[in-house]
């Protein structure tokens, strides 16, 4: 069926089996492995660790992955537009969020000091 896992699917998986609260990782199905009965039972996944440039590979049971979308389907673009619209409706701009955060940090903690006191400990700085 069209819902079967296939090469190119973008999926969530956990790097460590058995840990219920472990972090999820995004990967791409590189290969599907069918059992003797013709059903897909396992997949080989390609993923990247944040600090590495070379891809890594691992295999997982199809029961241990969550299919997000297939890049070739095209419907994921519509889904992402819906997500962006919902985020925008609550005041989150996904394209400029980083800039807003950077601007708020650019002034630093002492920007709110109007009386000349240091923001970190409340002491007056000596002038020489």
PDB file of N, CA and C in Angstrom:
ATOM      1  N   UNK A   1       0.833  -1.194   0.000  1.00  0.00           N
ATOM      2  CA  UNK A   1       0.000   0.000   0.000  1.00  0.00           C
ATOM      3  C   UNK A   1       0.872   1.251   0.000  1.00  0.00           C
ATOM      4  N   UNK A   2       0.266   2.412  -0.180  1.00  0.00           N
ATOM      5  CA  UNK A   2       1.021   3.656  -0.225  1.00  0.00           C
ATOM      6  C   UNK A   2       1.485   4.090   1.159  1.00  0.00           C
ATOM      7  N   UNK A   3       1.017   3.436   2.222  1.00  0.00           N
ATOM      8  CA  UNK A   3       1.427   3.766   3.588  1.00  0.00           C
ATOM      9  C   UNK A   3       2.628   2.941   4.048  1.00  0.00           C
ATOM     10  N   UNK A   4       3.082   1.979   3.229  1.00  0.00           N
ATOM     11  CA  UNK A   4       4.236   1.172   3.599  1.00  0.00           C
ATOM     12  C   UNK A   4       5.485   2.032   3.663  1.00  0.00           C
ATOM     13  N   UNK A   5       6.358   1.645   4.551  1.00  0.00           N
ATOM     14  CA  UNK A   5       7.645   2.320   4.664  1.00  0.00           C
ATOM     15  C   UNK A   5       8.436   2.067   3.391  1.00  0.00           C
ATOM     16  N   UNK A   6       9.076   3.126   2.886  1.00  0.00           N
ATOM     17  CA  UNK A   6       9.864   2.972   1.671  1.00  0.00           C
ATOM     18  C   UNK A   6      11.112   3.839   1.738  1.00  0.00           C
ATOM     19  N   UNK A   7      12.043   3.570   0.833  1.00  0.00           N
ATOM     20  CA  UNK A   7      13.278   4.347   0.775  1.00  0.00           C
ATOM     21  C   UNK A   7      12.935   5.819   0.562  1.00  0.00           C
ATOM     22  N   UNK A   8      13.626   6.684   1.277  1.00  0.00           N
ATOM     23  CA  UNK A   8      13.396   8.114   1.176  1.00  0.00           C
ATOM     24  C   UNK A   8      12.459   8.646   2.233  1.00  0.00           C
ATOM     25  N   UNK A   9      11.810   7.761   3.011  1.00  0.00           N
ATOM     26  CA  UNK A   9      10.945   8.226   4.097  1.00  0.00           C
ATOM     27  C   UNK A   9      11.785   8.928   5.160  1.00  0.00           C
ATOM     28  N   UNK A  10      11.287  10.030   5.642  1.00  0.00           N
ATOM     29  CA  UNK A  10      11.910  10.734   6.762  1.00  0.00           C
ATOM     30  C   UNK A  10      11.206  10.240   8.018  1.00  0.00           C
ATOM     31  N   UNK A  11      11.994   9.782   8.988  1.00  0.00           N
ATOM     32  CA  UNK A  11      11.431   9.129  10.170  1.00  0.00           C
ATOM     33  C   UNK A  11      12.075   9.648  11.447  1.00  0.00           C
ATOM     34  N   UNK A  12      11.356   9.478  12.552  1.00  0.00           N
ATOM     35  CA  UNK A  12      11.912   9.659  13.893  1.00  0.00           C
ATOM     36  C   UNK A  12      12.297   8.284  14.411  1.00  0.00           C
ATOM     37  N   UNK A  13      13.420   8.199  15.121  1.00  0.00           N
ATOM     38  CA  UNK A  13      13.795   6.969  15.792  1.00  0.00           C
ATOM     39  C   UNK A  13      14.648   7.314  17.009  1.00  0.00           C
ATOM     40  N   UNK A  14      14.790   6.359  17.884  1.00  0.00           N
ATOM     41  CA  UNK A  14      15.656   6.540  19.052  1.00  0.00           C
ATOM     42  C   UNK A  14      16.953   5.802  18.811  1.00  0.00           C
ATOM     43  N   UNK A  15      18.069   6.447  19.148  1.00  0.00           N
ATOM     44  CA  UNK A  15      19.366   5.813  18.950  1.00  0.00           C
ATOM     45  C   UNK A  15      19.556   4.630  19.891  1.00  0.00           C
ATOM     46  N   UNK A  16      19.015   4.740  21.098  1.00  0.00           N
ATOM     47  CA  UNK A  16      19.176   3.678  22.088  1.00  0.00           C
ATOM     48  C   UNK A  16      17.859   2.952  22.287  1.00  0.00           C
ATOM     49  N   UNK A  17      17.858   1.659  22.033  1.00  0.00           N
ATOM     50  CA  UNK A  17      16.661   0.854  22.267  1.00  0.00           C
ATOM     51  C   UNK A  17      16.433   0.689  23.756  1.00  0.00           C
ATOM     52  N   UNK A  18      15.179   0.623  24.132  1.00  0.00           N
ATOM     53  CA  UNK A  18      14.829   0.326  25.508  1.00  0.00           C
ATOM     54  C   UNK A  18      14.666   1.531  26.412  1.00  0.00           C
ATOM     55  N   UNK A  19      15.255   2.663  26.074  1.00  0.00           N
ATOM     56  CA  UNK A  19      15.137   3.846  26.912  1.00  0.00           C
ATOM     57  C   UNK A  19      13.865   4.589  26.517  1.00  0.00           C
ATOM     58  N   UNK A  20      12.875   4.574  27.400  1.00  0.00           N
ATOM     59  CA  UNK A  20      11.568   5.133  27.072  1.00  0.00           C
ATOM     60  C   UNK A  20      11.575   6.642  26.919  1.00  0.00           C
ATOM     61  N   UNK A  21      12.436   7.322  27.655  1.00  0.00           N
ATOM     62  CA  UNK A  21      12.426   8.783  27.592  1.00  0.00           C
ATOM     63  C   UNK A  21      13.616   9.346  26.822  1.00  0.00           C
ATOM     64  N   UNK A  22      14.256   8.525  26.022  1.00  0.00           N
ATOM     65  CA  UNK A  22      15.424   8.979  25.271  1.00  0.00           C
ATOM     66  C   UNK A  22      15.053   9.951  24.173  1.00  0.00           C
ATOM     67  N   UNK A  23      16.019  10.719  23.699  1.00  0.00           N
ATOM     68  CA  UNK A  23      15.744  11.699  22.642  1.00  0.00           C
ATOM     69  C   UNK A  23      15.482  11.015  21.302  1.00  0.00           C
ATOM     70  N   UNK A  24      14.675  11.654  20.491  1.00  0.00           N
ATOM     71  CA  UNK A  24      14.371  11.161  19.160  1.00  0.00           C
ATOM     72  C   UNK A  24      15.339  11.786  18.163  1.00  0.00           C
ATOM     73  N   UNK A  25      15.672  11.033  17.135  1.00  0.00           N
ATOM     74  CA  UNK A  25      16.577  11.478  16.085  1.00  0.00           C
ATOM     75  C   UNK A  25      15.847  11.379  14.751  1.00  0.00           C
ATOM     76  N   UNK A  26      16.159  12.281  13.840  1.00  0.00           N
ATOM     77  CA  UNK A  26      15.566  12.227  12.502  1.00  0.00           C
ATOM     78  C   UNK A  26      16.520  11.478  11.581  1.00  0.00           C
ATOM     79  N   UNK A  27      15.965  10.567  10.802  1.00  0.00           N
ATOM     80  CA  UNK A  27      16.758   9.804   9.842  1.00  0.00           C
ATOM     81  C   UNK A  27      15.981   9.616   8.554  1.00  0.00           C
ATOM     82  N   UNK A  28      16.648   9.036   7.580  1.00  0.00           N
ATOM     83  CA  UNK A  28      16.036   8.742   6.291  1.00  0.00           C
ATOM     84  C   UNK A  28      16.182   7.247   6.026  1.00  0.00           C
ATOM     85  N   UNK A  29      15.101   6.625   5.581  1.00  0.00           N
ATOM     86  CA  UNK A  29      15.148   5.201   5.267  1.00  0.00           C
ATOM     87  C   UNK A  29      16.030   5.015   4.039  1.00  0.00           C
ATOM     88  N   UNK A  30      17.105   4.251   4.225  1.00  0.00           N
ATOM     89  CA  UNK A  30      18.056   3.989   3.157  1.00  0.00           C
ATOM     90  C   UNK A  30      17.744   2.677   2.448  1.00  0.00           C
ATOM     91  N   UNK A  31      17.157   1.726   3.194  1.00  0.00           N
ATOM     92  CA  UNK A  31      16.844   0.420   2.634  1.00  0.00           C
ATOM     93  C   UNK A  31      15.749  -0.238   3.472  1.00  0.00           C
ATOM     94  N   UNK A  32      14.836  -0.925   2.833  1.00  0.00           N
ATOM     95  CA  UNK A  32      13.826  -1.703   3.554  1.00  0.00           C
ATOM     96  C   UNK A  32      14.184  -3.178   3.444  1.00  0.00           C
ATOM     97  N   UNK A  33      13.925  -3.911   4.527  1.00  0.00           N
ATOM     98  CA  UNK A  33      14.241  -5.334   4.567  1.00  0.00           C
ATOM     99  C   UNK A  33      12.936  -6.098   4.779  1.00  0.00           C
ATOM    100  N   UNK A  34      12.584  -6.929   3.792  1.00  0.00           N
ATOM    101  CA  UNK A  34      11.353  -7.716   3.874  1.00  0.00           C
ATOM    102  C   UNK A  34      11.660  -9.095   4.448  1.00  0.00           C
ATOM    103  N   UNK A  35      10.683  -9.621   5.167  1.00  0.00           N
ATOM    104  CA  UNK A  35      10.816 -10.966   5.718  1.00  0.00           C
ATOM    105  C   UNK A  35      10.377 -11.991   4.670  1.00  0.00           C
ATOM    106  N   UNK A  36      10.408 -13.257   5.047  1.00  0.00           N
ATOM    107  CA  UNK A  36      10.027 -14.326   4.116  1.00  0.00           C
ATOM    108  C   UNK A  36       8.576 -14.202   3.654  1.00  0.00           C
ATOM    109  N   UNK A  37       7.718 -13.614   4.499  1.00  0.00           N
ATOM    110  CA  UNK A  37       6.313 -13.472   4.127  1.00  0.00           C
ATOM    111  C   UNK A  37       6.050 -12.238   3.266  1.00  0.00           C
ATOM    112  N   UNK A  38       7.106 -11.475   2.936  1.00  0.00           N
ATOM    113  CA  UNK A  38       6.968 -10.324   2.058  1.00  0.00           C
ATOM    114  C   UNK A  38       6.656  -9.017   2.757  1.00  0.00           C
ATOM    115  N   UNK A  39       6.489  -9.052   4.073  1.00  0.00           N
ATOM    116  CA  UNK A  39       6.211  -7.821   4.827  1.00  0.00           C
ATOM    117  C   UNK A  39       7.512  -7.143   5.246  1.00  0.00           C
ATOM    118  N   UNK A  40       7.471  -5.831   5.288  1.00  0.00           N
ATOM    119  CA  UNK A  40       8.640  -5.059   5.720  1.00  0.00           C
ATOM    120  C   UNK A  40       8.741  -5.167   7.234  1.00  0.00           C
ATOM    121  N   UNK A  41       9.865  -5.681   7.698  1.00  0.00           N
ATOM    122  CA  UNK A  41      10.062  -5.872   9.136  1.00  0.00           C
ATOM    123  C   UNK A  41      11.150  -4.956   9.701  1.00  0.00           C
ATOM    124  N   UNK A  42      12.169  -4.672   8.912  1.00  0.00           N
ATOM    125  CA  UNK A  42      13.295  -3.858   9.374  1.00  0.00           C
ATOM    126  C   UNK A  42      13.656  -2.832   8.305  1.00  0.00           C
ATOM    127  N   UNK A  43      14.327  -1.762   8.746  1.00  0.00           N
ATOM    128  CA  UNK A  43      14.813  -0.736   7.819  1.00  0.00           C
ATOM    129  C   UNK A  43      16.228  -0.352   8.202  1.00  0.00           C
ATOM    130  N   UNK A  44      17.001   0.018   7.204  1.00  0.00           N
ATOM    131  CA  UNK A  44      18.316   0.610   7.443  1.00  0.00           C
ATOM    132  C   UNK A  44      18.139   2.114   7.321  1.00  0.00           C
ATOM    133  N   UNK A  45      18.625   2.831   8.328  1.00  0.00           N
ATOM    134  CA  UNK A  45      18.437   4.279   8.395  1.00  0.00           C
ATOM    135  C   UNK A  45      19.756   5.005   8.243  1.00  0.00           C
ATOM    136  N   UNK A  46      19.693   6.158   7.586  1.00  0.00           N
ATOM    137  CA  UNK A  46      20.847   7.060   7.485  1.00  0.00           C
ATOM    138  C   UNK A  46      20.522   8.298   8.296  1.00  0.00           C
ATOM    139  N   UNK A  47      21.491   8.732   9.127  1.00  0.00           N
ATOM    140  CA  UNK A  47      21.289   9.933   9.937  1.00  0.00           C
ATOM    141  C   UNK A  47      22.631  10.613  10.155  1.00  0.00           C
ATOM    142  N   UNK A  48      22.588  11.827  10.667  1.00  0.00           N
ATOM    143  CA  UNK A  48      23.800  12.587  10.976  1.00  0.00           C
ATOM    144  C   UNK A  48      23.796  12.980  12.443  1.00  0.00           C
ATOM    145  N   UNK A  49      24.931  12.841  13.087  1.00  0.00           N
ATOM    146  CA  UNK A  49      25.105  13.429  14.409  1.00  0.00           C
ATOM    147  C   UNK A  49      25.416  14.901  14.211  1.00  0.00           C
ATOM    148  N   UNK A  50      24.968  15.768  15.119  1.00  0.00           N
ATOM    149  CA  UNK A  50      25.140  17.216  14.927  1.00  0.00           C
ATOM    150  C   UNK A  50      26.587  17.674  14.745  1.00  0.00           C
ATOM    151  N   UNK A  51      27.528  16.989  15.349  1.00  0.00           N
ATOM    152  CA  UNK A  51      28.925  17.444  15.300  1.00  0.00           C
ATOM    153  C   UNK A  51      29.742  16.743  14.227  1.00  0.00           C
ATOM    154  N   UNK A  52      29.110  15.892  13.421  1.00  0.00           N
ATOM    155  CA  UNK A  52      29.842  15.124  12.427  1.00  0.00           C
ATOM    156  C   UNK A  52      29.372  15.470  11.017  1.00  0.00           C
ATOM    157  N   UNK A  53      30.268  15.321  10.047  1.00  0.00           N
ATOM    158  CA  UNK A  53      29.920  15.612   8.664  1.00  0.00           C
ATOM    159  C   UNK A  53      29.565  14.348   7.884  1.00  0.00           C
ATOM    160  N   UNK A  54      30.069  13.199   8.311  1.00  0.00           N
ATOM    161  CA  UNK A  54      29.794  11.936   7.631  1.00  0.00           C
ATOM    162  C   UNK A  54      28.506  11.312   8.162  1.00  0.00           C
ATOM    163  N   UNK A  55      27.693  10.743   7.278  1.00  0.00           N
ATOM    164  CA  UNK A  55      26.460  10.101   7.745  1.00  0.00           C
ATOM    165  C   UNK A  55      26.763   8.814   8.505  1.00  0.00           C
ATOM    166  N   UNK A  56      25.831   8.441   9.352  1.00  0.00           N
ATOM    167  CA  UNK A  56      25.903   7.168  10.074  1.00  0.00           C
ATOM    168  C   UNK A  56      24.723   6.321   9.632  1.00  0.00           C
ATOM    169  N   UNK A  57      24.845   5.020   9.833  1.00  0.00           N
ATOM    170  CA  UNK A  57      23.796   4.089   9.445  1.00  0.00           C
ATOM    171  C   UNK A  57      23.471   3.180  10.624  1.00  0.00           C
ATOM    172  N   UNK A  58      22.200   2.818  10.724  1.00  0.00           N
ATOM    173  CA  UNK A  58      21.751   1.891  11.755  1.00  0.00           C
ATOM    174  C   UNK A  58      20.526   1.162  11.224  1.00  0.00           C
ATOM    175  N   UNK A  59      20.188   0.045  11.850  1.00  0.00           N
ATOM    176  CA  UNK A  59      18.965  -0.648  11.443  1.00  0.00           C
ATOM    177  C   UNK A  59      17.999  -0.677  12.608  1.00  0.00           C
ATOM    178  N   UNK A  60      16.714  -0.651  12.279  1.00  0.00           N
ATOM    179  CA  UNK A  60      15.648  -0.646  13.277  1.00  0.00           C
ATOM    180  C   UNK A  60      14.477  -1.473  12.776  1.00  0.00           C
ATOM    181  N   UNK A  61      13.713  -1.993  13.711  1.00  0.00           N
ATOM    182  CA  UNK A  61      12.445  -2.618  13.392  1.00  0.00           C
ATOM    183  C   UNK A  61      11.495  -1.512  12.949  1.00  0.00           C
ATOM    184  N   UNK A  62      10.601  -1.809  12.002  1.00  0.00           N
ATOM    185  CA  UNK A  62       9.648  -0.791  11.568  1.00  0.00           C
ATOM    186  C   UNK A  62       8.727  -0.387  12.708  1.00  0.00           C
ATOM    187  N   UNK A  63       8.591  -1.213  13.724  1.00  0.00           N
ATOM    188  CA  UNK A  63       7.767  -0.866  14.888  1.00  0.00           C
ATOM    189  C   UNK A  63       8.442   0.174  15.771  1.00  0.00           C
ATOM    190  N   UNK A  64       9.737   0.403  15.572  1.00  0.00           N
ATOM    191  CA  UNK A  64      10.490   1.342  16.403  1.00  0.00           C
ATOM    192  C   UNK A  64      10.728   2.688  15.729  1.00  0.00           C
ATOM    193  N   UNK A  65      10.102   2.914  14.579  1.00  0.00           N
ATOM    194  CA  UNK A  65      10.266   4.193  13.884  1.00  0.00           C
ATOM    195  C   UNK A  65       8.904   4.861  13.726  1.00  0.00           C
ATOM    196  N   UNK A  66       8.938   6.180  13.546  1.00  0.00           N
ATOM    197  CA  UNK A  66       7.726   6.938  13.270  1.00  0.00           C
ATOM    198  C   UNK A  66       7.926   7.629  11.926  1.00  0.00           C
ATOM    199  N   UNK A  67       7.129   7.234  10.944  1.00  0.00           N
ATOM    200  CA  UNK A  67       7.240   7.822   9.609  1.00  0.00           C
ATOM    201  C   UNK A  67       6.670   9.229   9.636  1.00  0.00           C
ATOM    202  N   UNK A  68       7.460  10.200   9.196  1.00  0.00           N
ATOM    203  CA  UNK A  68       7.006  11.582   9.124  1.00  0.00           C
ATOM    204  C   UNK A  68       6.465  11.895   7.734  1.00  0.00           C
ATOM    205  N   UNK A  69       7.277  11.657   6.708  1.00  0.00           N
ATOM    206  CA  UNK A  69       6.855  11.889   5.333  1.00  0.00           C
ATOM    207  C   UNK A  69       7.906  11.328   4.393  1.00  0.00           C
ATOM    208  N   UNK A  70       7.576  11.264   3.120  1.00  0.00           N
ATOM    209  CA  UNK A  70       8.527  10.903   2.089  1.00  0.00           C
ATOM    210  C   UNK A  70       8.766  12.149   1.255  1.00  0.00           C
ATOM    211  N   UNK A  71      10.007  12.452   0.997  1.00  0.00           N
ATOM    212  CA  UNK A  71      10.367  13.677   0.287  1.00  0.00           C
ATOM    213  C   UNK A  71       9.708  13.736  -1.087  1.00  0.00           C
ATOM    214  N   UNK A  72       9.528  12.599  -1.736  1.00  0.00           N
ATOM    215  CA  UNK A  72       8.944  12.576  -3.078  1.00  0.00           C
ATOM    216  C   UNK A  72       7.437  12.820  -3.068  1.00  0.00           C
ATOM    217  N   UNK A  73       6.776  12.613  -1.929  1.00  0.00           N
ATOM    218  CA  UNK A  73       5.319  12.753  -1.865  1.00  0.00           C
ATOM    219  C   UNK A  73       4.852  14.167  -2.181  1.00  0.00           C
ATOM    220  N   UNK A  74       5.535  15.163  -1.703  1.00  0.00           N
ATOM    221  CA  UNK A  74       5.147  16.545  -1.959  1.00  0.00           C
ATOM    222  C   UNK A  74       4.111  17.085  -0.994  1.00  0.00           C
ATOM    223  N   UNK A  75       3.342  16.218  -0.354  1.00  0.00           N
ATOM    224  CA  UNK A  75       2.311  16.696   0.561  1.00  0.00           C
ATOM    225  C   UNK A  75       2.913  17.276   1.838  1.00  0.00           C
ATOM    226  N   UNK A  76       4.165  16.959   2.130  1.00  0.00           N
ATOM    227  CA  UNK A  76       4.802  17.491   3.336  1.00  0.00           C
ATOM    228  C   UNK A  76       4.923  19.014   3.266  1.00  0.00           C
ATOM    229  N   UNK A  77       5.028  19.560   2.067  1.00  0.00           N
ATOM    230  CA  UNK A  77       5.125  21.015   1.927  1.00  0.00           C
ATOM    231  C   UNK A  77       3.831  21.683   2.416  1.00  0.00           C
ATOM    232  N   UNK A  78       2.699  21.076   2.051  1.00  0.00           N
ATOM    233  CA  UNK A  78       1.417  21.610   2.511  1.00  0.00           C
ATOM    234  C   UNK A  78       1.312  21.510   4.031  1.00  0.00           C
ATOM    235  N   UNK A  79       1.776  20.384   4.581  1.00  0.00           N
ATOM    236  CA  UNK A  79       1.742  20.202   6.034  1.00  0.00           C
ATOM    237  C   UNK A  79       2.606  21.252   6.735  1.00  0.00           C
ATOM    238  N   UNK A  80       3.777  21.531   6.179  1.00  0.00           N
ATOM    239  CA  UNK A  80       4.665  22.521   6.785  1.00  0.00           C
ATOM    240  C   UNK A  80       4.066  23.924   6.700  1.00  0.00           C
ATOM    241  N   UNK A  81       3.338  24.213   5.629  1.00  0.00           N
ATOM    242  CA  UNK A  81       2.678  25.513   5.518  1.00  0.00           C
ATOM    243  C   UNK A  81       1.596  25.649   6.593  1.00  0.00           C
ATOM    244  N   UNK A  82       0.880  24.557   6.873  1.00  0.00           N
ATOM    245  CA  UNK A  82      -0.133  24.576   7.926  1.00  0.00           C
ATOM    246  C   UNK A  82       0.513  24.806   9.290  1.00  0.00           C
ATOM    247  N   UNK A  83       1.645  24.144   9.531  1.00  0.00           N
ATOM    248  CA  UNK A  83       2.362  24.327  10.798  1.00  0.00           C
ATOM    249  C   UNK A  83       2.812  25.770  10.932  1.00  0.00           C
ATOM    250  N   UNK A  84       3.381  26.334   9.862  1.00  0.00           N
ATOM    251  CA  UNK A  84       3.828  27.723   9.894  1.00  0.00           C
ATOM    252  C   UNK A  84       2.665  28.664  10.172  1.00  0.00           C
ATOM    253  N   UNK A  85       1.514  28.417   9.562  1.00  0.00           N
ATOM    254  CA  UNK A  85       0.339  29.265   9.782  1.00  0.00           C
ATOM    255  C   UNK A  85      -0.110  29.195  11.240  1.00  0.00           C
ATOM    256  N   UNK A  86      -0.103  27.999  11.811  1.00  0.00           N
ATOM    257  CA  UNK A  86      -0.511  27.858  13.216  1.00  0.00           C
ATOM    258  C   UNK A  86       0.472  28.565  14.144  1.00  0.00           C
ATOM    259  N   UNK A  87       1.775  28.435  13.862  1.00  0.00           N
ATOM    260  CA  UNK A  87       2.773  29.116  14.679  1.00  0.00           C
ATOM    261  C   UNK A  87       2.640  30.633  14.553  1.00  0.00           C
ATOM    262  N   UNK A  88       2.412  31.107  13.347  1.00  0.00           N
ATOM    263  CA  UNK A  88       2.236  32.547  13.132  1.00  0.00           C
ATOM    264  C   UNK A  88       1.008  33.068  13.866  1.00  0.00           C
ATOM    265  N   UNK A  89      -0.050  32.243  13.945  1.00  0.00           N
ATOM    266  CA  UNK A  89      -1.274  32.680  14.620  1.00  0.00           C
ATOM    267  C   UNK A  89      -1.084  32.876  16.121  1.00  0.00           C
ATOM    268  N   UNK A  90      -0.034  32.265  16.683  1.00  0.00           N
ATOM    269  CA  UNK A  90       0.250  32.453  18.111  1.00  0.00           C
ATOM    270  C   UNK A  90       1.474  33.342  18.316  1.00  0.00           C
ATOM    271  N   UNK A  91       1.907  34.016  17.244  1.00  0.00           N
ATOM    272  CA  UNK A  91       2.970  35.006  17.379  1.00  0.00           C
ATOM    273  C   UNK A  91       4.385  34.487  17.214  1.00  0.00           C
ATOM    274  N   UNK A  92       4.560  33.289  16.679  1.00  0.00           N
ATOM    275  CA  UNK A  92       5.901  32.747  16.467  1.00  0.00           C
ATOM    276  C   UNK A  92       6.228  32.830  14.985  1.00  0.00           C
ATOM    277  N   UNK A  93       7.281  33.573  14.665  1.00  0.00           N
ATOM    278  CA  UNK A  93       7.721  33.709  13.280  1.00  0.00           C
ATOM    279  C   UNK A  93       8.889  32.754  13.075  1.00  0.00           C
ATOM    280  N   UNK A  94       8.650  31.631  12.415  1.00  0.00           N
ATOM    281  CA  UNK A  94       9.673  30.595  12.277  1.00  0.00           C
ATOM    282  C   UNK A  94      10.860  31.054  11.433  1.00  0.00           C
ATOM    283  N   UNK A  95      10.673  32.027  10.577  1.00  0.00           N
ATOM    284  CA  UNK A  95      11.772  32.486   9.749  1.00  0.00           C
ATOM    285  C   UNK A  95      12.638  33.517  10.434  1.00  0.00           C
ATOM    286  N   UNK A  96      12.103  34.251  11.402  1.00  0.00           N
ATOM    287  CA  UNK A  96      12.855  35.320  12.034  1.00  0.00           C
ATOM    288  C   UNK A  96      13.047  35.119  13.534  1.00  0.00           C
ATOM    289  N   UNK A  97      12.681  33.983  14.052  1.00  0.00           N
ATOM    290  CA  UNK A  97      12.789  33.733  15.493  1.00  0.00           C
ATOM    291  C   UNK A  97      14.227  33.895  15.980  1.00  0.00           C
ATOM    292  N   UNK A  98      15.196  33.407  15.211  1.00  0.00           N
ATOM    293  CA  UNK A  98      16.592  33.508  15.617  1.00  0.00           C
ATOM    294  C   UNK A  98      17.026  34.961  15.736  1.00  0.00           C
ATOM    295  N   UNK A  99      16.618  35.796  14.784  1.00  0.00           N
ATOM    296  CA  UNK A  99      16.974  37.204  14.827  1.00  0.00           C
ATOM    297  C   UNK A  99      16.385  37.886  16.050  1.00  0.00           C
ATOM    298  N   UNK A 100      15.151  37.558  16.398  1.00  0.00           N
ATOM    299  CA  UNK A 100      14.511  38.153  17.568  1.00  0.00           C
ATOM    300  C   UNK A 100      15.271  37.768  18.823  1.00  0.00           C
ATOM    301  N   UNK A 101      15.645  36.496  18.928  1.00  0.00           N
ATOM    302  CA  UNK A 101      16.405  36.037  20.096  1.00  0.00           C
ATOM    303  C   UNK A 101      17.741  36.754  20.162  1.00  0.00           C
ATOM    304  N   UNK A 102      18.428  36.858  19.021  1.00  0.00           N
ATOM    305  CA  UNK A 102      19.723  37.515  18.997  1.00  0.00           C
ATOM    306  C   UNK A 102      19.613  38.978  19.415  1.00  0.00           C
ATOM    307  N   UNK A 103      18.583  39.696  18.956  1.00  0.00           N
ATOM    308  CA  UNK A 103      18.411  41.095  19.309  1.00  0.00           C
ATOM    309  C   UNK A 103      18.156  41.256  20.802  1.00  0.00           C
ATOM    310  N   UNK A 104      17.410  40.340  21.394  1.00  0.00           N
ATOM    311  CA  UNK A 104      17.117  40.456  22.814  1.00  0.00           C
ATOM    312  C   UNK A 104      18.354  40.193  23.663  1.00  0.00           C
ATOM    313  N   UNK A 105      19.279  39.401  23.134  1.00  0.00           N
ATOM    314  CA  UNK A 105      20.500  39.119  23.876  1.00  0.00           C
ATOM    315  C   UNK A 105      21.589  40.149  23.605  1.00  0.00           C
ATOM    316  N   UNK A 106      21.474  40.865  22.501  1.00  0.00           N
ATOM    317  CA  UNK A 106      22.526  41.789  22.090  1.00  0.00           C
ATOM    318  C   UNK A 106      22.752  42.908  23.099  1.00  0.00           C
ATOM    319  N   UNK A 107      21.703  43.367  23.766  1.00  0.00           N
ATOM    320  CA  UNK A 107      21.834  44.470  24.713  1.00  0.00           C
ATOM    321  C   UNK A 107      22.572  44.048  25.973  1.00  0.00           C
ATOM    322  N   UNK A 108      22.514  42.778  26.330  1.00  0.00           N
ATOM    323  CA  UNK A 108      23.206  42.288  27.514  1.00  0.00           C
ATOM    324  C   UNK A 108      22.431  42.569  28.774  1.00  0.00           C
ATOM    325  N   UNK A 109      22.857  41.962  29.886  1.00  0.00           N
ATOM    326  CA  UNK A 109      22.122  42.097  31.140  1.00  0.00           C
ATOM    327  C   UNK A 109      22.182  43.481  31.763  1.00  0.00           C
ATOM    328  N   UNK A 110      23.186  44.293  31.418  1.00  0.00           N
ATOM    329  CA  UNK A 110      23.319  45.609  32.046  1.00  0.00           C
ATOM    330  C   UNK A 110      22.529  46.688  31.322  1.00  0.00           C
ATOM    331  N   UNK A 111      21.846  46.338  30.241  1.00  0.00           N
ATOM    332  CA  UNK A 111      21.095  47.325  29.476  1.00  0.00           C
ATOM    333  C   UNK A 111      19.931  47.898  30.278  1.00  0.00           C
ATOM    334  N   UNK A 112      19.432  47.148  31.248  1.00  0.00           N
ATOM    335  CA  UNK A 112      18.305  47.613  32.038  1.00  0.00           C
ATOM    336  C   UNK A 112      18.724  48.517  33.189  1.00  0.00           C
ATOM    337  N   UNK A 113      20.034  48.652  33.448  1.00  0.00           N
ATOM    338  CA  UNK A 113      20.511  49.487  34.539  1.00  0.00           C
ATOM    339  C   UNK A 113      20.398  50.957  34.151  1.00  0.00           C
ATOM    340  N   UNK A 114      19.541  51.667  34.833  1.00  0.00           N
ATOM    341  CA  UNK A 114      19.389  53.085  34.554  1.00  0.00           C
ATOM    342  C   UNK A 114      20.018  53.942  35.640  1.00  0.00           C
ATOM    343  N   UNK A 115      20.399  53.304  36.782  1.00  0.00           N
ATOM    344  CA  UNK A 115      20.960  54.079  37.882  1.00  0.00           C
ATOM    345  C   UNK A 115      22.458  53.880  38.050  1.00  0.00           C
ATOM    346  N   UNK A 116      23.111  53.206  37.083  1.00  0.00           N
ATOM    347  CA  UNK A 116      24.555  53.048  37.150  1.00  0.00           C
ATOM    348  C   UNK A 116      25.006  51.859  37.968  1.00  0.00           C
ATOM    349  N   UNK A 117      24.101  51.044  38.471  1.00  0.00           N
ATOM    350  CA  UNK A 117      24.515  49.875  39.240  1.00  0.00           C
ATOM    351  C   UNK A 117      24.764  48.720  38.308  1.00  0.00           C
ATOM    352  N   UNK A 118      25.622  47.810  38.721  1.00  0.00           N
ATOM    353  CA  UNK A 118      25.906  46.625  37.921  1.00  0.00           C
ATOM    354  C   UNK A 118      24.746  45.654  38.081  1.00  0.00           C
ATOM    355  N   UNK A 119      24.322  45.072  36.992  1.00  0.00           N
ATOM    356  CA  UNK A 119      23.159  44.184  37.026  1.00  0.00           C
ATOM    357  C   UNK A 119      23.454  42.890  37.761  1.00  0.00           C
ATOM    358  N   UNK A 120      24.709  42.449  37.769  1.00  0.00           N
ATOM    359  CA  UNK A 120      25.007  41.144  38.333  1.00  0.00           C
ATOM    360  C   UNK A 120      24.987  41.126  39.855  1.00  0.00           C
ATOM    361  N   UNK A 121      25.462  42.194  40.536  1.00  0.00           N
ATOM    362  CA  UNK A 121      25.501  42.131  41.993  1.00  0.00           C
ATOM    363  C   UNK A 121      24.948  43.369  42.682  1.00  0.00           C
ATOM    364  N   UNK A 122      24.499  44.337  41.931  1.00  0.00           N
ATOM    365  CA  UNK A 122      23.874  45.520  42.502  1.00  0.00           C
ATOM    366  C   UNK A 122      24.848  46.519  43.115  1.00  0.00           C
ATOM    367  N   UNK A 123      26.152  46.369  42.917  1.00  0.00           N
ATOM    368  CA  UNK A 123      27.128  47.306  43.490  1.00  0.00           C
ATOM    369  C   UNK A 123      27.434  48.411  42.512  1.00  0.00           C
ATOM    370  N   UNK A 124      27.770  49.599  43.030  1.00  0.00           N
ATOM    371  CA  UNK A 124      28.140  50.754  42.225  1.00  0.00           C
ATOM    372  C   UNK A 124      29.566  50.572  41.718  1.00  0.00           C
ATOM    373  N   UNK A 125      29.815  50.878  40.449  1.00  0.00           N
ATOM    374  CA  UNK A 125      31.173  50.807  39.911  1.00  0.00           C
ATOM    375  C   UNK A 125      31.921  52.072  40.293  1.00  0.00           C
ATOM    376  N   UNK A 126      33.205  51.907  40.657  1.00  0.00           N
ATOM    377  CA  UNK A 126      34.063  53.049  41.007  1.00  0.00           C
ATOM    378  C   UNK A 126      34.603  53.663  39.729  1.00  0.00           C
ATOM    379  N   UNK A 127      34.609  55.011  39.695  1.00  0.00           N
ATOM    380  CA  UNK A 127      35.191  55.690  38.546  1.00  0.00           C
ATOM    381  C   UNK A 127      36.515  56.294  38.978  1.00  0.00           C
ATOM    382  N   UNK A 128      37.572  56.117  38.231  1.00  0.00           N
ATOM    383  CA  UNK A 128      38.900  56.669  38.555  1.00  0.00           C
ATOM    384  C   UNK A 128      39.213  57.881  37.754  1.00  0.00           C
TER     385      UNK A 128
END
